[in-house]
Amino acid sequence: MKTFLIFSILSVFLFSNNTLHAQVPSAPSHLIATAVSSSQINLHWTDNSHNENNFNIEMNSSNHNDSLFMQVGHVSENITTFNMLHLSANTTYHFRVNAVNHTGVSHYSNIASTTTFHDTSHHSIPNAPSQLVAHATSSSMINLTWHDNSHNEGSFVIEKKGPHDSSFHNAGHVGSNATSFTATGLHQHTTYSFRVYATNKVGSSHYSNIVSATTHSHSAVSSYDFILHTNYPNPFNPVTKIAFEIPVAGMTKLEIYDINGKLISSLIDENKAAGSYGVTFDGSQLSSGIYFYKLESNNFSITKKMFLIK
């Protein structure tokens, strides 16, 4: 009787465990669609499962009729964002998402709808940049990154405000499609604020959000750790920035690999002094997927994962 009881408990446990792995994923929820330009809509949802292999994204531009939804993309497990590009201006789109694994497909999420902006041709001012982030990299430099929400800007203008400034003033500019800038010649251990706007021949956009960062003191940069920071943004499309620090001078490599271990790009392959660095990676020629970036310097090596979503 005792042996039978143990066997029964073990059978129930194994059955429950196998059933867990054989379950279809739970449906994603709280899908939100946000138009950011005349041709782009960004999606975000909640992942309610732990056993999905990927998420499928479906879209239609007519109504909520199920037969009109078509799959327009997919992302890997645990990713909860997708940027839909190359859409028509002033058009309402409907989206839904489901989760997939080897067992089957979940129910759909809620349907999220939004309308792209009116045509922002070169007869209109650009959309304002957003998601501005500032990161101090030394006693005299602060790196900025932002999201480009327009396709008709001629350049981006960066404005800076120090602790003794009564207002913002011009700190520099970068060309169209650029999403990063390094402010140099700053004072040590000083807090600076920044904002960015897009401009073209017609006029200038609204400002981005305002961000602040404090430069290091001289003592803070006399010694570095070996650090490979998470790329920003991540997921990205198509450009992301990779920052790292090396504690001693030496031959330094920063390389990009695909999921099969094939070398895609060598961003750095040279001697570097001890310090903090940042480099931009452009994945515009690559397909969506998982990629790895590897930093090697002297006897140190570290690898991290990033996601390209188009």
Protein backbone atom coordinates (compact mmCIF):
# COMPACT_ATOMS: atom_id res chain seq x y z
CA MET A 1 0.00 0.00 0.00
CA LYS A 2 2.82 2.39 0.91
CA THR A 3 4.65 1.64 -2.37
CA PHE A 4 1.45 2.20 -4.35
CA LEU A 5 0.95 5.58 -2.64
CA ILE A 6 4.50 6.73 -3.45
CA PHE A 7 4.07 5.57 -7.06
CA SER A 8 0.78 7.47 -7.33
CA ILE A 9 2.28 10.70 -5.98
CA LEU A 10 5.26 10.38 -8.33
CA SER A 11 2.94 9.75 -11.29
CA VAL A 12 0.88 12.83 -10.49
CA PHE A 13 4.04 14.94 -10.20
CA LEU A 14 5.45 13.72 -13.50
CA PHE A 15 2.11 14.14 -15.24
CA SER A 16 1.75 17.69 -13.89
CA ASN A 17 5.31 18.58 -14.88
CA ASN A 18 4.93 17.20 -18.40
CA THR A 19 1.56 18.89 -18.74
CA LEU A 20 3.13 22.22 -17.74
CA HIS A 21 5.71 21.99 -20.52
CA ALA A 22 3.09 20.83 -23.00
CA GLN A 23 0.74 23.75 -22.38
CA VAL A 24 0.16 26.39 -25.00
CA PRO A 25 1.29 29.84 -23.84
CA SER A 26 -1.02 32.24 -22.07
CA ALA A 27 -2.31 35.06 -24.23
CA PRO A 28 -0.50 38.42 -24.06
CA SER A 29 -2.56 41.35 -22.80
CA HIS A 30 -2.68 45.14 -22.41
CA LEU A 31 -1.58 45.68 -26.02
CA ILE A 32 -1.01 49.40 -26.67
CA ALA A 33 -0.45 50.98 -30.10
CA THR A 34 1.18 54.43 -30.26
CA ALA A 35 1.64 56.43 -33.46
CA VAL A 36 4.99 58.25 -33.44
CA SER A 37 5.02 59.61 -37.01
CA SER A 38 3.15 59.51 -40.31
CA SER A 39 4.69 56.11 -41.10
CA GLN A 40 5.45 54.39 -37.78
CA ILE A 41 3.40 52.85 -34.95
CA ASN A 42 5.07 51.37 -31.85
CA LEU A 43 3.47 48.42 -30.02
CA HIS A 44 3.86 47.29 -26.41
CA TRP A 45 2.16 44.45 -24.54
CA THR A 46 2.32 42.39 -21.34
CA ASP A 47 3.86 38.91 -21.47
CA ASN A 48 1.67 36.60 -19.37
CA SER A 49 3.52 33.38 -20.15
CA HIS A 50 6.84 31.74 -19.37
CA ASN A 51 6.88 29.08 -22.09
CA GLU A 52 6.46 30.96 -25.37
CA ASN A 53 9.00 30.67 -28.19
CA ASN A 54 7.92 33.88 -29.92
CA PHE A 55 5.12 36.39 -30.39
CA ASN A 56 3.31 36.92 -33.70
CA ILE A 57 2.09 40.42 -34.60
CA GLU A 58 -0.95 40.80 -36.87
CA MET A 59 -2.41 43.96 -38.44
CA ASN A 60 -5.26 45.21 -40.57
CA SER A 61 -6.17 48.66 -41.81
CA SER A 62 -9.89 48.23 -42.54
CA ASN A 63 -11.83 47.12 -39.45
CA HIS A 64 -11.81 44.48 -36.72
CA ASN A 65 -12.87 41.69 -39.10
CA ASP A 66 -10.77 38.61 -38.18
CA SER A 67 -10.35 37.56 -41.80
CA LEU A 68 -8.59 40.83 -42.63
CA PHE A 69 -5.77 40.49 -40.07
CA MET A 70 -2.42 39.52 -41.60
CA GLN A 71 0.83 38.62 -39.84
CA VAL A 72 3.32 41.46 -40.24
CA GLY A 73 6.13 40.31 -37.98
CA HIS A 74 7.28 38.34 -34.97
CA VAL A 75 9.68 38.75 -32.04
CA SER A 76 11.47 36.28 -29.81
CA GLU A 77 10.44 35.11 -26.34
CA ASN A 78 10.25 37.71 -23.54
CA ILE A 79 10.28 40.65 -25.97
CA THR A 80 7.23 42.87 -25.53
CA THR A 81 7.73 45.62 -28.13
CA PHE A 82 7.49 45.90 -31.90
CA ASN A 83 7.86 48.91 -34.20
CA MET A 84 5.71 48.84 -37.34
CA LEU A 85 7.31 50.91 -40.10
CA HIS A 86 6.51 52.08 -43.65
CA LEU A 87 2.82 52.76 -42.97
CA SER A 88 0.57 55.21 -44.80
CA ALA A 89 -0.03 58.68 -43.38
CA ASN A 90 -3.30 59.58 -41.66
CA THR A 91 -4.46 55.93 -41.64
CA THR A 92 -5.99 53.91 -38.81
CA TYR A 93 -4.40 50.51 -38.16
CA HIS A 94 -5.55 47.69 -35.86
CA PHE A 95 -3.17 45.25 -34.19
CA ARG A 96 -3.31 42.05 -32.15
CA VAL A 97 -0.62 39.71 -30.79
CA ASN A 98 -0.49 36.04 -29.81
CA ALA A 99 2.13 33.78 -28.24
CA VAL A 100 3.45 30.60 -29.87
CA ASN A 101 5.39 27.53 -28.76
CA HIS A 102 5.88 23.97 -30.01
CA THR A 103 2.57 22.94 -28.48
CA GLY A 104 0.35 25.53 -30.08
CA VAL A 105 -0.83 29.13 -30.26
CA SER A 106 -2.38 31.22 -27.50
CA HIS A 107 -5.56 33.26 -27.74
CA TYR A 108 -5.10 36.75 -29.16
CA SER A 109 -4.47 39.80 -27.06
CA ASN A 110 -6.88 42.70 -27.09
CA ILE A 111 -7.05 44.66 -30.36
CA ALA A 112 -5.23 48.00 -30.20
CA SER A 113 -5.86 50.73 -32.76
CA THR A 114 -4.29 54.07 -33.59
CA THR A 115 -3.95 56.49 -36.52
CA THR A 116 -0.67 57.59 -38.07
CA PHE A 117 0.09 61.29 -38.24
CA HIS A 118 -0.74 63.46 -41.24
CA ASP A 119 1.91 63.42 -43.95
CA THR A 120 5.08 65.03 -42.60
CA SER A 121 6.65 65.83 -45.92
CA HIS A 122 9.31 68.47 -46.37
CA HIS A 123 6.49 71.02 -46.44
CA SER A 124 6.00 70.42 -42.68
CA ILE A 125 8.16 70.79 -39.59
CA PRO A 126 9.65 67.57 -38.13
CA ASN A 127 8.25 65.64 -35.19
CA ALA A 128 10.00 66.21 -31.88
CA PRO A 129 12.63 63.68 -30.76
CA SER A 130 11.89 61.77 -27.54
CA GLN A 131 13.40 59.43 -24.93
CA LEU A 132 16.49 61.60 -24.49
CA VAL A 133 19.02 59.97 -22.12
CA ALA A 134 22.24 61.47 -20.72
CA HIS A 135 25.19 59.42 -19.42
CA ALA A 136 28.42 60.93 -18.04
CA THR A 137 31.50 59.07 -19.32
CA SER A 138 34.33 61.14 -17.83
CA SER A 139 35.12 64.35 -15.98
CA SER A 140 34.60 66.37 -19.17
CA MET A 141 32.17 64.37 -21.37
CA ILE A 142 28.46 63.44 -21.32
CA ASN A 143 26.93 61.17 -23.97
CA LEU A 144 23.37 61.77 -25.20
CA THR A 145 21.04 59.40 -27.07
CA TRP A 146 17.46 59.95 -28.23
CA HIS A 147 14.69 58.51 -30.40
CA ASP A 148 14.13 59.96 -33.89
CA ASN A 149 10.37 60.31 -34.49
CA SER A 150 10.57 62.01 -37.88
CA HIS A 151 11.75 61.29 -41.41
CA ASN A 152 12.02 64.86 -42.71
CA GLU A 153 14.47 66.55 -40.36
CA GLY A 154 17.56 68.23 -41.77
CA SER A 155 19.44 68.08 -38.48
CA PHE A 156 19.13 67.83 -34.71
CA VAL A 157 20.18 70.73 -32.49
CA ILE A 158 21.44 70.01 -28.97
CA GLU A 159 21.05 72.64 -26.26
CA LYS A 160 22.87 72.68 -22.92
CA LYS A 161 22.39 74.44 -19.59
CA GLY A 162 25.03 74.54 -16.87
CA PRO A 163 24.59 75.43 -13.18
CA HIS A 164 25.47 79.08 -13.79
CA ASP A 165 23.47 79.52 -17.00
CA SER A 166 20.18 81.41 -16.91
CA SER A 167 18.88 79.59 -20.01
CA PHE A 168 19.71 76.84 -22.51
CA HIS A 169 22.21 77.60 -25.26
CA ASN A 170 23.42 75.78 -28.38
CA ALA A 171 25.87 72.96 -27.67
CA GLY A 172 26.12 71.54 -31.18
CA HIS A 173 24.20 69.77 -33.91
CA VAL A 174 24.19 66.47 -35.82
CA GLY A 175 22.79 65.45 -39.19
CA SER A 176 19.50 63.80 -40.08
CA ASN A 177 18.85 60.30 -38.67
CA ALA A 178 21.57 60.70 -36.04
CA THR A 179 20.48 59.72 -32.54
CA SER A 180 23.55 60.42 -30.40
CA PHE A 181 25.85 63.30 -29.44
CA THR A 182 28.80 63.71 -27.06
CA ALA A 183 29.08 66.99 -25.17
CA THR A 184 32.76 67.71 -24.51
CA GLY A 185 34.84 70.37 -22.74
CA LEU A 186 32.69 70.20 -19.61
CA HIS A 187 33.77 70.97 -16.03
CA GLN A 188 34.39 68.11 -13.62
CA HIS A 189 31.77 67.13 -11.00
CA THR A 190 29.22 69.51 -12.55
CA THR A 191 25.58 68.88 -13.40
CA TYR A 192 24.42 69.82 -16.90
CA SER A 193 20.93 69.71 -18.42
CA PHE A 194 20.20 68.97 -22.08
CA ARG A 195 17.36 69.06 -24.59
CA VAL A 196 17.19 68.33 -28.33
CA TYR A 197 14.98 69.47 -31.20
CA ALA A 198 14.71 68.58 -34.89
CA THR A 199 14.79 71.20 -37.62
CA ASN A 200 14.43 71.54 -41.40
CA LYS A 201 13.92 74.37 -43.91
CA VAL A 202 10.30 74.81 -42.85
CA GLY A 203 10.89 75.17 -39.12
CA SER A 204 11.77 73.47 -35.84
CA SER A 205 10.03 70.78 -33.80
CA HIS A 206 9.07 70.96 -30.15
CA TYR A 207 11.80 70.10 -27.67
CA SER A 208 12.49 66.62 -26.42
CA ASN A 209 12.31 65.86 -22.72
CA ILE A 210 14.98 67.53 -20.57
CA VAL A 211 17.64 65.31 -18.95
CA SER A 212 20.54 65.95 -16.60
CA ALA A 213 23.84 64.24 -15.80
CA THR A 214 26.82 65.03 -13.59
CA THR A 215 30.37 64.72 -14.88
CA HIS A 216 32.86 62.62 -12.91
CA SER A 217 35.42 64.13 -10.61
CA HIS A 218 39.05 63.73 -11.65
CA SER A 219 39.54 61.06 -8.99
CA ALA A 220 36.62 59.10 -10.45
CA VAL A 221 38.41 58.60 -13.75
CA SER A 222 41.84 57.69 -12.38
CA SER A 223 40.75 54.07 -12.17
CA TYR A 224 38.33 52.08 -14.38
CA ASP A 225 36.72 48.68 -14.13
CA PHE A 226 36.28 46.29 -17.03
CA ILE A 227 32.61 46.95 -17.90
CA LEU A 228 30.51 46.28 -20.96
CA HIS A 229 27.27 48.22 -20.60
CA THR A 230 23.93 47.06 -22.00
CA ASN A 231 23.44 48.66 -25.39
CA TYR A 232 20.87 51.46 -25.63
CA PRO A 233 18.26 51.28 -26.92
CA ASN A 234 17.62 47.53 -26.69
CA PRO A 235 15.65 46.34 -28.62
CA PHE A 236 16.81 48.76 -31.35
CA ASN A 237 16.02 49.72 -34.94
CA PRO A 238 18.36 50.20 -36.68
CA VAL A 239 20.98 52.03 -34.55
CA THR A 240 22.12 51.40 -31.00
CA LYS A 241 25.01 52.61 -28.85
CA ILE A 242 27.44 50.35 -26.98
CA ALA A 243 29.43 51.83 -24.07
CA PHE A 244 32.30 50.16 -22.22
CA GLU A 245 35.21 50.79 -19.88
CA ILE A 246 38.67 49.24 -19.75
CA PRO A 247 40.94 49.49 -16.70
CA VAL A 248 44.34 49.37 -18.44
CA ALA A 249 45.68 50.22 -21.87
CA GLY A 250 45.91 47.42 -24.41
CA MET A 251 44.67 45.83 -27.61
CA THR A 252 40.88 46.09 -27.57
CA LYS A 253 38.26 44.43 -29.77
CA LEU A 254 34.53 45.04 -29.95
CA GLU A 255 32.78 42.65 -32.36
CA ILE A 256 29.22 41.79 -33.39
CA TYR A 257 28.12 38.19 -33.98
CA ASP A 258 24.87 36.67 -35.20
CA ILE A 259 23.03 33.91 -33.33
CA ASN A 260 25.05 31.26 -35.20
CA GLY A 261 28.36 32.72 -34.06
CA LYS A 262 29.24 34.30 -37.40
CA LEU A 263 31.22 37.55 -37.19
CA ILE A 264 29.03 40.37 -38.51
CA SER A 265 31.07 43.48 -37.78
CA SER A 266 34.30 44.53 -36.09
CA LEU A 267 33.59 47.89 -34.48
CA ILE A 268 36.94 48.28 -32.69
CA ASP A 269 40.26 46.50 -33.25
CA GLU A 270 43.06 48.71 -31.97
CA ASN A 271 45.07 49.73 -28.93
CA LYS A 272 43.04 51.77 -26.45
CA ALA A 273 44.07 53.72 -23.38
CA ALA A 274 42.35 53.02 -20.08
CA GLY A 275 39.06 54.88 -20.06
CA SER A 276 35.41 54.99 -20.99
CA TYR A 277 34.25 54.64 -24.60
CA GLY A 278 31.10 54.56 -26.68
CA VAL A 279 30.50 53.34 -30.23
CA THR A 280 27.41 53.30 -32.46
CA PHE A 281 26.31 50.13 -34.26
CA ASP A 282 24.09 50.42 -37.36
CA GLY A 283 22.05 47.29 -38.11
CA SER A 284 20.18 48.72 -41.10
CA GLN A 285 21.63 46.06 -43.41
CA LEU A 286 20.71 43.19 -41.08
CA SER A 287 17.48 41.29 -40.55
CA SER A 288 15.55 41.29 -37.28
CA GLY A 289 16.82 38.88 -34.65
CA ILE A 290 19.18 38.26 -31.75
CA TYR A 291 22.80 39.43 -32.02
CA PHE A 292 25.74 39.33 -29.61
CA TYR A 293 28.42 41.94 -28.94
CA LYS A 294 31.75 40.85 -27.46
CA LEU A 295 34.40 43.02 -25.79
CA GLU A 296 37.99 41.76 -25.42
CA SER A 297 40.86 43.70 -23.89
CA ASN A 298 44.08 42.23 -22.48
CA ASN A 299 42.95 39.16 -20.54
CA PHE A 300 39.33 40.32 -20.14
CA SER A 301 36.38 39.17 -22.24
CA ILE A 302 32.62 39.65 -21.92
CA THR A 303 29.64 39.07 -24.24
CA LYS A 304 26.11 40.49 -24.14
CA LYS A 305 22.91 40.02 -26.14
CA MET A 306 20.93 42.62 -28.12
CA PHE A 307 17.73 42.53 -30.17
CA LEU A 308 17.23 44.10 -33.60
CA ILE A 309 13.53 44.60 -34.40
CA LYS A 310 12.42 46.07 -37.72
